[in-house]
Amino acid sequence: MNRLVARLIGCGMSAKVALCVLRKFPDLRSAERYVEQIEEASREQMEVLQ
């Protein structure tokens, strides 16, 4: 779980929000899929800015 929180923080999410969001998921796999989606969206936004 800490690794997922760290990945969300790396995308610009605050630690409190990341913890709150991840607690909503019923299992670790669904939380990991969510983090992957956020990372992809963050990467796409960074590509637009460059």
N, C-alpha and C. Protein backbone atom coordinates (compact mmCIF):
# COMPACT_ATOMS: atom_id res chain seq x y z
N MET A 1 0.82 -1.19 0.00
CA MET A 1 0.00 0.00 0.00
C MET A 1 0.87 1.26 0.00
N ASN A 2 1.97 1.23 0.77
CA ASN A 2 2.85 2.40 0.81
C ASN A 2 3.41 2.72 -0.57
N ARG A 3 3.71 1.67 -1.33
CA ARG A 3 4.24 1.87 -2.67
C ARG A 3 3.21 2.56 -3.56
N LEU A 4 1.96 2.18 -3.43
CA LEU A 4 0.91 2.81 -4.23
C LEU A 4 0.71 4.27 -3.84
N VAL A 5 0.76 4.54 -2.55
CA VAL A 5 0.65 5.93 -2.08
C VAL A 5 1.80 6.75 -2.64
N ALA A 6 3.01 6.20 -2.61
CA ALA A 6 4.19 6.92 -3.13
C ALA A 6 4.04 7.20 -4.62
N ARG A 7 3.49 6.24 -5.35
CA ARG A 7 3.29 6.45 -6.79
C ARG A 7 2.28 7.56 -7.05
N LEU A 8 1.23 7.62 -6.25
CA LEU A 8 0.24 8.70 -6.42
C LEU A 8 0.84 10.05 -6.04
N ILE A 9 1.65 10.08 -5.01
CA ILE A 9 2.32 11.32 -4.63
C ILE A 9 3.21 11.79 -5.77
N GLY A 10 3.87 10.85 -6.43
CA GLY A 10 4.70 11.18 -7.58
C GLY A 10 3.91 11.78 -8.74
N CYS A 11 2.63 11.51 -8.78
CA CYS A 11 1.76 12.07 -9.82
C CYS A 11 1.19 13.43 -9.40
N GLY A 12 1.53 13.88 -8.20
CA GLY A 12 1.07 15.19 -7.76
C GLY A 12 -0.07 15.18 -6.76
N MET A 13 -0.46 14.01 -6.30
CA MET A 13 -1.55 13.90 -5.33
C MET A 13 -0.96 14.05 -3.93
N SER A 14 -1.69 14.69 -3.04
CA SER A 14 -1.21 14.81 -1.67
C SER A 14 -1.31 13.44 -0.97
N ALA A 15 -0.53 13.26 0.06
CA ALA A 15 -0.51 11.99 0.78
C ALA A 15 -1.87 11.69 1.41
N LYS A 16 -2.51 12.69 1.98
CA LYS A 16 -3.82 12.49 2.61
C LYS A 16 -4.87 12.04 1.59
N VAL A 17 -4.88 12.69 0.45
CA VAL A 17 -5.85 12.33 -0.58
C VAL A 17 -5.55 10.93 -1.11
N ALA A 18 -4.28 10.63 -1.34
CA ALA A 18 -3.90 9.31 -1.84
C ALA A 18 -4.36 8.21 -0.89
N LEU A 19 -4.13 8.39 0.40
CA LEU A 19 -4.57 7.40 1.38
C LEU A 19 -6.08 7.25 1.39
N CYS A 20 -6.78 8.35 1.35
CA CYS A 20 -8.25 8.33 1.37
C CYS A 20 -8.79 7.60 0.14
N VAL A 21 -8.24 7.90 -1.02
CA VAL A 21 -8.70 7.28 -2.26
C VAL A 21 -8.43 5.78 -2.24
N LEU A 22 -7.22 5.39 -1.85
CA LEU A 22 -6.87 3.97 -1.88
C LEU A 22 -7.66 3.14 -0.88
N ARG A 23 -8.11 3.75 0.19
CA ARG A 23 -8.92 3.02 1.18
C ARG A 23 -10.30 2.65 0.63
N LYS A 24 -10.72 3.31 -0.42
CA LYS A 24 -12.04 3.06 -1.00
C LYS A 24 -12.07 1.77 -1.83
N PHE A 25 -10.91 1.26 -2.21
CA PHE A 25 -10.88 0.07 -3.08
C PHE A 25 -10.98 -1.20 -2.25
N PRO A 26 -11.75 -2.17 -2.76
CA PRO A 26 -11.98 -3.40 -1.99
C PRO A 26 -10.76 -4.33 -1.93
N ASP A 27 -9.87 -4.24 -2.93
CA ASP A 27 -8.69 -5.11 -2.92
C ASP A 27 -7.49 -4.38 -3.52
N LEU A 28 -6.34 -4.94 -3.30
CA LEU A 28 -5.09 -4.31 -3.72
C LEU A 28 -4.98 -4.25 -5.25
N ARG A 29 -5.46 -5.25 -5.94
CA ARG A 29 -5.35 -5.27 -7.41
C ARG A 29 -6.15 -4.13 -8.04
N SER A 30 -7.34 -3.88 -7.57
CA SER A 30 -8.14 -2.78 -8.14
C SER A 30 -7.50 -1.43 -7.81
N ALA A 31 -6.91 -1.30 -6.64
CA ALA A 31 -6.21 -0.07 -6.29
C ALA A 31 -5.00 0.13 -7.20
N GLU A 32 -4.31 -0.94 -7.50
CA GLU A 32 -3.13 -0.84 -8.38
C GLU A 32 -3.54 -0.43 -9.80
N ARG A 33 -4.66 -0.96 -10.28
CA ARG A 33 -5.15 -0.55 -11.60
C ARG A 33 -5.49 0.93 -11.62
N TYR A 34 -6.07 1.43 -10.54
CA TYR A 34 -6.39 2.85 -10.45
C TYR A 34 -5.11 3.69 -10.51
N VAL A 35 -4.10 3.27 -9.76
CA VAL A 35 -2.83 4.00 -9.75
C VAL A 35 -2.22 4.01 -11.15
N GLU A 36 -2.28 2.90 -11.84
CA GLU A 36 -1.75 2.83 -13.21
C GLU A 36 -2.49 3.80 -14.13
N GLN A 37 -3.80 3.93 -13.96
CA GLN A 37 -4.57 4.86 -14.78
C GLN A 37 -4.17 6.31 -14.48
N ILE A 38 -3.97 6.62 -13.22
CA ILE A 38 -3.56 7.97 -12.83
C ILE A 38 -2.17 8.28 -13.38
N GLU A 39 -1.26 7.31 -13.29
CA GLU A 39 0.09 7.51 -13.83
C GLU A 39 0.06 7.76 -15.34
N GLU A 40 -0.77 7.02 -16.04
CA GLU A 40 -0.87 7.19 -17.49
C GLU A 40 -1.43 8.58 -17.82
N ALA A 41 -2.46 9.00 -17.11
CA ALA A 41 -3.04 10.33 -17.33
C ALA A 41 -2.02 11.42 -17.02
N SER A 42 -1.26 11.23 -15.97
CA SER A 42 -0.23 12.20 -15.58
C SER A 42 0.86 12.27 -16.65
N ARG A 43 1.25 11.12 -17.17
CA ARG A 43 2.28 11.06 -18.21
C ARG A 43 1.80 11.79 -19.47
N GLU A 44 0.54 11.56 -19.84
CA GLU A 44 -0.04 12.22 -21.01
C GLU A 44 -0.05 13.74 -20.84
N GLN A 45 -0.38 14.21 -19.66
CA GLN A 45 -0.41 15.65 -19.41
C GLN A 45 1.00 16.24 -19.50
N MET A 46 1.98 15.50 -19.01
CA MET A 46 3.36 16.00 -19.07
C MET A 46 3.86 16.06 -20.51
N GLU A 47 3.44 15.11 -21.35
CA GLU A 47 3.84 15.13 -22.76
C GLU A 47 3.26 16.35 -23.47
N VAL A 48 2.06 16.73 -23.11
CA VAL A 48 1.43 17.90 -23.73
C VAL A 48 2.21 19.16 -23.35
N LEU A 49 2.69 19.23 -22.14
CA LEU A 49 3.40 20.42 -21.67
C LEU A 49 4.81 20.54 -22.24
N GLN A 50 5.36 19.45 -22.70
CA GLN A 50 6.75 19.51 -23.22
C GLN A 50 6.78 19.91 -24.62
